C-alpha cells in the first residue's frame, strides 16, 4: 500500500470529505494517515489555513478539485 498523508485539524469538514473520497476511490491502494497540524507548531506554521493538504510519495497533491490524474501518477498507476 502507498501512504497518503492528510494534514488536517479537528472539525475540518473538507478534510473529512477528502478522506472519504480517497477511501472510496482508492480502497485497497492507499494507507491514509490523518495528521492534526494543531498538535505540531511547525506544521501549524507551515500549513496554517491551507488544510486539507494531501501528500502522496512526498509530493503535494493539487486539491480543489482533487487531481485524480496526479494521484494515479504518484501511485504509479
PDB file of N, CA and C in Angstrom:
ATOM      1  N   UNK A   1       0.835  -1.198   0.000  1.00  0.00           N
ATOM      2  CA  UNK A   1       0.000   0.000   0.000  1.00  0.00           C
ATOM      3  C   UNK A   1       0.871   1.250   0.000  1.00  0.00           C
ATOM      4  N   UNK A   2       0.353   2.268  -0.604  1.00  0.00           N
ATOM      5  CA  UNK A   2       1.043   3.547  -0.673  1.00  0.00           C
ATOM      6  C   UNK A   2       0.468   4.452   0.412  1.00  0.00           C
ATOM      7  N   UNK A   3       1.350   5.152   1.121  1.00  0.00           N
ATOM      8  CA  UNK A   3       0.876   6.028   2.190  1.00  0.00           C
ATOM      9  C   UNK A   3       0.464   7.390   1.654  1.00  0.00           C
ATOM     10  N   UNK A   4      -0.692   7.817   2.100  1.00  0.00           N
ATOM     11  CA  UNK A   4      -1.192   9.164   1.818  1.00  0.00           C
ATOM     12  C   UNK A   4      -1.324   9.870   3.152  1.00  0.00           C
ATOM     13  N   UNK A   5      -0.803  11.065   3.226  1.00  0.00           N
ATOM     14  CA  UNK A   5      -0.899  11.855   4.457  1.00  0.00           C
ATOM     15  C   UNK A   5      -1.838  13.021   4.200  1.00  0.00           C
ATOM     16  N   UNK A   6      -2.827  13.152   5.072  1.00  0.00           N
ATOM     17  CA  UNK A   6      -3.719  14.302   5.014  1.00  0.00           C
ATOM     18  C   UNK A   6      -3.433  15.153   6.243  1.00  0.00           C
ATOM     19  N   UNK A   7      -2.920  16.357   6.017  1.00  0.00           N
ATOM     20  CA  UNK A   7      -2.725  17.297   7.110  1.00  0.00           C
ATOM     21  C   UNK A   7      -4.058  18.009   7.310  1.00  0.00           C
ATOM     22  N   UNK A   8      -4.531  17.968   8.540  1.00  0.00           N
ATOM     23  CA  UNK A   8      -5.876  18.465   8.833  1.00  0.00           C
ATOM     24  C   UNK A   8      -5.885  19.132  10.200  1.00  0.00           C
ATOM     25  N   UNK A   9      -7.082  19.426  10.644  1.00  0.00           N
ATOM     26  CA  UNK A   9      -7.273  19.865  12.028  1.00  0.00           C
ATOM     27  C   UNK A   9      -8.645  19.382  12.451  1.00  0.00           C
ATOM     28  N   UNK A  10      -8.876  19.414  13.730  1.00  0.00           N
ATOM     29  CA  UNK A  10     -10.132  18.931  14.294  1.00  0.00           C
ATOM     30  C   UNK A  10     -11.316  19.703  13.705  1.00  0.00           C
ATOM     31  N   UNK A  11     -12.378  18.978  13.430  1.00  0.00           N
ATOM     32  CA  UNK A  11     -13.624  19.552  12.905  1.00  0.00           C
ATOM     33  C   UNK A  11     -13.457  20.191  11.527  1.00  0.00           C
ATOM     34  N   UNK A  12     -12.541  19.675  10.732  1.00  0.00           N
ATOM     35  CA  UNK A  12     -12.333  20.173   9.372  1.00  0.00           C
ATOM     36  C   UNK A  12     -13.203  19.355   8.416  1.00  0.00           C
ATOM     37  N   UNK A  13     -14.303  19.944   8.003  1.00  0.00           N
ATOM     38  CA  UNK A  13     -15.247  19.244   7.126  1.00  0.00           C
ATOM     39  C   UNK A  13     -14.606  18.880   5.789  1.00  0.00           C
ATOM     40  N   UNK A  14     -13.813  19.784   5.211  1.00  0.00           N
ATOM     41  CA  UNK A  14     -13.144  19.488   3.944  1.00  0.00           C
ATOM     42  C   UNK A  14     -12.150  18.335   4.084  1.00  0.00           C
ATOM     43  N   UNK A  15     -11.491  18.255   5.234  1.00  0.00           N
ATOM     44  CA  UNK A  15     -10.543  17.164   5.488  1.00  0.00           C
ATOM     45  C   UNK A  15     -11.269  15.824   5.520  1.00  0.00           C
ATOM     46  N   UNK A  16     -12.403  15.805   6.191  1.00  0.00           N
ATOM     47  CA  UNK A  16     -13.203  14.578   6.278  1.00  0.00           C
ATOM     48  C   UNK A  16     -13.726  14.176   4.910  1.00  0.00           C
ATOM     49  N   UNK A  17     -14.154  15.152   4.112  1.00  0.00           N
ATOM     50  CA  UNK A  17     -14.642  14.857   2.767  1.00  0.00           C
ATOM     51  C   UNK A  17     -13.517  14.283   1.898  1.00  0.00           C
ATOM     52  N   UNK A  18     -12.315  14.841   2.023  1.00  0.00           N
ATOM     53  CA  UNK A  18     -11.164  14.348   1.262  1.00  0.00           C
ATOM     54  C   UNK A  18     -10.857  12.909   1.668  1.00  0.00           C
ATOM     55  N   UNK A  19     -10.820  12.646   2.959  1.00  0.00           N
ATOM     56  CA  UNK A  19     -10.542  11.289   3.438  1.00  0.00           C
ATOM     57  C   UNK A  19     -11.581  10.310   2.889  1.00  0.00           C
ATOM     58  N   UNK A  20     -12.854  10.662   2.962  1.00  0.00           N
ATOM     59  CA  UNK A  20     -13.924   9.793   2.457  1.00  0.00           C
ATOM     60  C   UNK A  20     -13.771   9.540   0.961  1.00  0.00           C
ATOM     61  N   UNK A  21     -13.443  10.590   0.203  1.00  0.00           N
ATOM     62  CA  UNK A  21     -13.275  10.440  -1.244  1.00  0.00           C
ATOM     63  C   UNK A  21     -12.105   9.516  -1.571  1.00  0.00           C
ATOM     64  N   UNK A  22     -11.004   9.681  -0.862  1.00  0.00           N
ATOM     65  CA  UNK A  22      -9.839   8.827  -1.111  1.00  0.00           C
ATOM     66  C   UNK A  22     -10.130   7.376  -0.747  1.00  0.00           C
ATOM     67  N   UNK A  23     -10.807   7.177   0.375  1.00  0.00           N
ATOM     68  CA  UNK A  23     -11.143   5.813   0.802  1.00  0.00           C
ATOM     69  C   UNK A  23     -12.071   5.139  -0.200  1.00  0.00           C
ATOM     70  N   UNK A  24     -13.034   5.860  -0.711  1.00  0.00           N
ATOM     71  CA  UNK A  24     -13.978   5.238  -1.642  1.00  0.00           C
ATOM     72  C   UNK A  24     -13.356   5.017  -3.028  1.00  0.00           C
ATOM     73  N   UNK A  25     -12.431   5.856  -3.420  1.00  0.00           N
ATOM     74  CA  UNK A  25     -11.838   5.761  -4.756  1.00  0.00           C
ATOM     75  C   UNK A  25     -10.637   4.819  -4.803  1.00  0.00           C
ATOM     76  N   UNK A  26      -9.828   4.817  -3.744  1.00  0.00           N
ATOM     77  CA  UNK A  26      -8.573   4.054  -3.740  1.00  0.00           C
ATOM     78  C   UNK A  26      -8.521   3.059  -2.584  1.00  0.00           C
ATOM     79  N   UNK A  27      -9.634   2.398  -2.332  1.00  0.00           N
ATOM     80  CA  UNK A  27      -9.820   1.495  -1.187  1.00  0.00           C
ATOM     81  C   UNK A  27      -8.593   0.725  -0.744  1.00  0.00           C
ATOM     82  N   UNK A  28      -8.122  -0.172  -1.598  1.00  0.00           N
ATOM     83  CA  UNK A  28      -7.053  -1.086  -1.208  1.00  0.00           C
ATOM     84  C   UNK A  28      -5.668  -0.613  -1.643  1.00  0.00           C
ATOM     85  N   UNK A  29      -5.580   0.617  -2.128  1.00  0.00           N
ATOM     86  CA  UNK A  29      -4.316   1.097  -2.664  1.00  0.00           C
ATOM     87  C   UNK A  29      -3.607   2.110  -1.768  1.00  0.00           C
ATOM     88  N   UNK A  30      -4.386   2.829  -0.956  1.00  0.00           N
ATOM     89  CA  UNK A  30      -3.804   3.870  -0.109  1.00  0.00           C
ATOM     90  C   UNK A  30      -3.979   3.561   1.369  1.00  0.00           C
ATOM     91  N   UNK A  31      -2.918   3.791   2.118  1.00  0.00           N
ATOM     92  CA  UNK A  31      -2.970   3.765   3.576  1.00  0.00           C
ATOM     93  C   UNK A  31      -3.005   5.236   3.994  1.00  0.00           C
ATOM     94  N   UNK A  32      -4.154   5.676   4.504  1.00  0.00           N
ATOM     95  CA  UNK A  32      -4.350   7.098   4.778  1.00  0.00           C
ATOM     96  C   UNK A  32      -4.035   7.414   6.240  1.00  0.00           C
ATOM     97  N   UNK A  33      -3.145   8.381   6.425  1.00  0.00           N
ATOM     98  CA  UNK A  33      -2.755   8.848   7.750  1.00  0.00           C
ATOM     99  C   UNK A  33      -3.216  10.288   7.900  1.00  0.00           C
ATOM    100  N   UNK A  34      -4.043  10.546   8.897  1.00  0.00           N
ATOM    101  CA  UNK A  34      -4.513  11.907   9.180  1.00  0.00           C
ATOM    102  C   UNK A  34      -3.616  12.490  10.269  1.00  0.00           C
ATOM    103  N   UNK A  35      -3.082  13.681  10.021  1.00  0.00           N
ATOM    104  CA  UNK A  35      -2.223  14.355  10.999  1.00  0.00           C
ATOM    105  C   UNK A  35      -2.836  15.714  11.322  1.00  0.00           C
ATOM    106  N   UNK A  36      -3.075  15.935  12.607  1.00  0.00           N
ATOM    107  CA  UNK A  36      -3.653  17.195  13.082  1.00  0.00           C
ATOM    108  C   UNK A  36      -2.530  18.220  13.220  1.00  0.00           C
ATOM    109  N   UNK A  37      -2.564  19.271  12.392  1.00  0.00           N
ATOM    110  CA  UNK A  37      -1.482  20.262  12.408  1.00  0.00           C
ATOM    111  C   UNK A  37      -1.446  21.064  13.703  1.00  0.00           C
ATOM    112  N   UNK A  38      -2.559  21.112  14.413  1.00  0.00           N
ATOM    113  CA  UNK A  38      -2.596  21.879  15.658  1.00  0.00           C
ATOM    114  C   UNK A  38      -1.786  21.222  16.776  1.00  0.00           C
ATOM    115  N   UNK A  39      -1.381  19.972  16.565  1.00  0.00           N
ATOM    116  CA  UNK A  39      -0.571  19.268  17.558  1.00  0.00           C
ATOM    117  C   UNK A  39       0.926  19.481  17.351  1.00  0.00           C
ATOM    118  N   UNK A  40       1.300  20.213  16.298  1.00  0.00           N
ATOM    119  CA  UNK A  40       2.709  20.450  15.986  1.00  0.00           C
ATOM    120  C   UNK A  40       2.858  21.889  15.491  1.00  0.00           C
ATOM    121  N   UNK A  41       3.542  22.709  16.254  1.00  0.00           N
ATOM    122  CA  UNK A  41       3.661  24.132  15.939  1.00  0.00           C
ATOM    123  C   UNK A  41       4.285  24.362  14.562  1.00  0.00           C
ATOM    124  N   UNK A  42       5.241  23.502  14.173  1.00  0.00           N
ATOM    125  CA  UNK A  42       5.883  23.659  12.869  1.00  0.00           C
ATOM    126  C   UNK A  42       4.911  23.377  11.725  1.00  0.00           C
ATOM    127  N   UNK A  43       4.088  22.341  11.887  1.00  0.00           N
ATOM    128  CA  UNK A  43       3.089  22.043  10.862  1.00  0.00           C
ATOM    129  C   UNK A  43       2.027  23.134  10.803  1.00  0.00           C
ATOM    130  N   UNK A  44       1.691  23.658  11.956  1.00  0.00           N
ATOM    131  CA  UNK A  44       0.697  24.730  12.007  1.00  0.00           C
ATOM    132  C   UNK A  44       1.214  25.967  11.269  1.00  0.00           C
ATOM    133  N   UNK A  45       2.494  26.286  11.471  1.00  0.00           N
ATOM    134  CA  UNK A  45       3.093  27.422  10.762  1.00  0.00           C
ATOM    135  C   UNK A  45       3.187  27.144   9.258  1.00  0.00           C
ATOM    136  N   UNK A  46       3.511  25.910   8.914  1.00  0.00           N
ATOM    137  CA  UNK A  46       3.706  25.542   7.518  1.00  0.00           C
ATOM    138  C   UNK A  46       2.396  25.551   6.730  1.00  0.00           C
ATOM    139  N   UNK A  47       1.343  24.967   7.308  1.00  0.00           N
ATOM    140  CA  UNK A  47       0.101  24.794   6.564  1.00  0.00           C
ATOM    141  C   UNK A  47      -1.018  25.749   6.974  1.00  0.00           C
ATOM    142  N   UNK A  48      -1.006  26.224   8.201  1.00  0.00           N
ATOM    143  CA  UNK A  48      -1.981  27.213   8.653  1.00  0.00           C
ATOM    144  C   UNK A  48      -3.393  26.966   8.184  1.00  0.00           C
ATOM    145  N   UNK A  49      -3.895  27.854   7.340  1.00  0.00           N
ATOM    146  CA  UNK A  49      -5.270  27.762   6.869  1.00  0.00           C
ATOM    147  C   UNK A  49      -5.396  27.022   5.531  1.00  0.00           C
ATOM    148  N   UNK A  50      -4.312  26.401   5.075  1.00  0.00           N
ATOM    149  CA  UNK A  50      -4.324  25.729   3.775  1.00  0.00           C
ATOM    150  C   UNK A  50      -4.950  24.339   3.808  1.00  0.00           C
ATOM    151  N   UNK A  51      -5.312  23.852   4.947  1.00  0.00           N
ATOM    152  CA  UNK A  51      -5.792  22.484   5.055  1.00  0.00           C
ATOM    153  C   UNK A  51      -7.119  22.299   4.341  1.00  0.00           C
ATOM    154  N   UNK A  52      -7.414  21.123   3.842  1.00  0.00           N
ATOM    155  CA  UNK A  52      -6.563  19.948   3.916  1.00  0.00           C
ATOM    156  C   UNK A  52      -5.394  20.015   2.928  1.00  0.00           C
ATOM    157  N   UNK A  53      -4.313  19.359   3.316  1.00  0.00           N
ATOM    158  CA  UNK A  53      -3.150  19.203   2.451  1.00  0.00           C
ATOM    159  C   UNK A  53      -2.935  17.701   2.302  1.00  0.00           C
ATOM    160  N   UNK A  54      -2.804  17.255   1.065  1.00  0.00           N
ATOM    161  CA  UNK A  54      -2.617  15.838   0.777  1.00  0.00           C
ATOM    162  C   UNK A  54      -1.218  15.627   0.219  1.00  0.00           C
ATOM    163  N   UNK A  55      -0.485  14.673   0.825  1.00  0.00           N
ATOM    164  CA  UNK A  55       0.868  14.316   0.383  1.00  0.00           C
ATOM    165  C   UNK A  55       0.868  12.827   0.043  1.00  0.00           C
ATOM    166  N   UNK A  56       1.319  12.502  -1.167  1.00  0.00           N
ATOM    167  CA  UNK A  56       1.484  11.108  -1.578  1.00  0.00           C
ATOM    168  C   UNK A  56       2.892  10.966  -2.130  1.00  0.00           C
ATOM    169  N   UNK A  57       3.618   9.978  -1.611  1.00  0.00           N
ATOM    170  CA  UNK A  57       5.010   9.755  -2.038  1.00  0.00           C
ATOM    171  C   UNK A  57       5.843  11.031  -1.948  1.00  0.00           C
ATOM    172  N   UNK A  58       5.622  11.803  -0.896  1.00  0.00           N
ATOM    173  CA  UNK A  58       6.412  13.004  -0.654  1.00  0.00           C
ATOM    174  C   UNK A  58       6.024  14.213  -1.491  1.00  0.00           C
ATOM    175  N   UNK A  59       5.004  14.090  -2.328  1.00  0.00           N
ATOM    176  CA  UNK A  59       4.592  15.201  -3.189  1.00  0.00           C
ATOM    177  C   UNK A  59       3.205  15.686  -2.811  1.00  0.00           C
ATOM    178  N   UNK A  60       3.056  16.988  -2.820  1.00  0.00           N
ATOM    179  CA  UNK A  60       1.765  17.601  -2.513  1.00  0.00           C
ATOM    180  C   UNK A  60       0.835  17.453  -3.719  1.00  0.00           C
ATOM    181  N   UNK A  61      -0.375  17.000  -3.454  1.00  0.00           N
ATOM    182  CA  UNK A  61      -1.371  16.794  -4.499  1.00  0.00           C
ATOM    183  C   UNK A  61      -2.239  18.042  -4.612  1.00  0.00           C
ATOM    184  N   UNK A  62      -2.500  18.419  -5.850  1.00  0.00           N
ATOM    185  CA  UNK A  62      -3.387  19.561  -6.080  1.00  0.00           C
ATOM    186  C   UNK A  62      -4.807  19.191  -5.660  1.00  0.00           C
ATOM    187  N   UNK A  63      -5.442  20.085  -4.927  1.00  0.00           N
ATOM    188  CA  UNK A  63      -6.820  19.876  -4.474  1.00  0.00           C
ATOM    189  C   UNK A  63      -7.695  20.991  -5.033  1.00  0.00           C
ATOM    190  N   UNK A  64      -8.956  20.859  -4.817  1.00  0.00           N
ATOM    191  CA  UNK A  64      -9.957  21.883  -5.208  1.00  0.00           C
ATOM    192  C   UNK A  64     -10.053  22.032  -6.706  1.00  0.00           C
ATOM    193  N   UNK A  65     -10.462  21.089  -7.457  1.00  0.00           N
ATOM    194  CA  UNK A  65     -10.868  19.748  -7.047  1.00  0.00           C
ATOM    195  C   UNK A  65      -9.666  18.818  -6.914  1.00  0.00           C
ATOM    196  N   UNK A  66      -9.924  17.650  -6.350  1.00  0.00           N
ATOM    197  CA  UNK A  66      -8.866  16.653  -6.195  1.00  0.00           C
ATOM    198  C   UNK A  66      -8.371  16.253  -7.586  1.00  0.00           C
ATOM    199  N   UNK A  67      -7.052  16.271  -7.757  1.00  0.00           N
ATOM    200  CA  UNK A  67      -6.443  15.927  -9.042  1.00  0.00           C
ATOM    201  C   UNK A  67      -6.171  14.419  -9.079  1.00  0.00           C
ATOM    202  N   UNK A  68      -7.156  13.658  -9.543  1.00  0.00           N
ATOM    203  CA  UNK A  68      -7.031  12.202  -9.552  1.00  0.00           C
ATOM    204  C   UNK A  68      -5.956  11.718 -10.523  1.00  0.00           C
ATOM    205  N   UNK A  69      -5.720  12.445 -11.603  1.00  0.00           N
ATOM    206  CA  UNK A  69      -4.654  12.056 -12.524  1.00  0.00           C
ATOM    207  C   UNK A  69      -3.293  12.154 -11.833  1.00  0.00           C
ATOM    208  N   UNK A  70      -3.083  13.196 -11.043  1.00  0.00           N
ATOM    209  CA  UNK A  70      -1.820  13.342 -10.306  1.00  0.00           C
ATOM    210  C   UNK A  70      -1.687  12.237  -9.270  1.00  0.00           C
ATOM    211  N   UNK A  71      -2.774  11.922  -8.577  1.00  0.00           N
ATOM    212  CA  UNK A  71      -2.740  10.847  -7.574  1.00  0.00           C
ATOM    213  C   UNK A  71      -2.340   9.538  -8.236  1.00  0.00           C
ATOM    214  N   UNK A  72      -2.978   9.203  -9.337  1.00  0.00           N
ATOM    215  CA  UNK A  72      -2.656   7.947 -10.040  1.00  0.00           C
ATOM    216  C   UNK A  72      -1.205   7.939 -10.499  1.00  0.00           C
ATOM    217  N   UNK A  73      -0.715   9.072 -10.973  1.00  0.00           N
ATOM    218  CA  UNK A  73       0.676   9.156 -11.407  1.00  0.00           C
ATOM    219  C   UNK A  73       1.638   8.926 -10.238  1.00  0.00           C
ATOM    220  N   UNK A  74       1.349   9.533  -9.106  1.00  0.00           N
ATOM    221  CA  UNK A  74       2.200   9.376  -7.925  1.00  0.00           C
ATOM    222  C   UNK A  74       2.157   7.944  -7.382  1.00  0.00           C
ATOM    223  N   UNK A  75       1.044   7.261  -7.645  1.00  0.00           N
ATOM    224  CA  UNK A  75       0.897   5.871  -7.202  1.00  0.00           C
ATOM    225  C   UNK A  75       1.466   4.900  -8.220  1.00  0.00           C
ATOM    226  N   UNK A  76       1.881   5.414  -9.372  1.00  0.00           N
ATOM    227  CA  UNK A  76       2.434   4.554 -10.409  1.00  0.00           C
ATOM    228  C   UNK A  76       1.371   3.780 -11.188  1.00  0.00           C
ATOM    229  N   UNK A  77       0.160   4.331 -11.219  1.00  0.00           N
ATOM    230  CA  UNK A  77      -0.933   3.658 -11.945  1.00  0.00           C
ATOM    231  C   UNK A  77      -1.116   4.235 -13.326  1.00  0.00           C
TER     232      UNK A  77
END
